[in-house]
């Protein structure tokens, strides 16, 4: 499972001209799910993204987590995180999990974050979405549940 984690001042996701998810201070997490991913991967990334010390403390140092900062999360599914661009000019998405495997794991990730006490807004799995954000910092990190990077 892969995630692009962005510290944001605000973020929202729109489907068919309707805003379906919106947060203020917190994290936008774009979540990609691969063929071999399971519940453990979802729980690993839920915990890791919620506990990353990337919010500033009183001294201005990145020393607080989303949990400690009282922020929110916007979680958006994004199969293109498993796009392979090494060959040719058209990305291959064969490493991305099919929807019937990916959607339950996306939902499990959301529940795992919510169970930590974080308010989670979401996109719509499989939909064509427009994501807006104000990246605070900017701070953008890549996570992989298998620690591939």
Foldseek 3Di string as FASTA:
>chain_A
DKKKKFFFQKKFKDFPNHTQFIFGGDIEIADFAFPPDDLLLLLLVLVCQQAQQQDQDPVGDSGGGCLRVLTAYEYEYDLCVQWDCPDDHDTDSNGTHPPVRPVVSSVSSQVSNVVSVHHYTYDDPPGDMDMDTGGVVGDIDMDGSVPPD
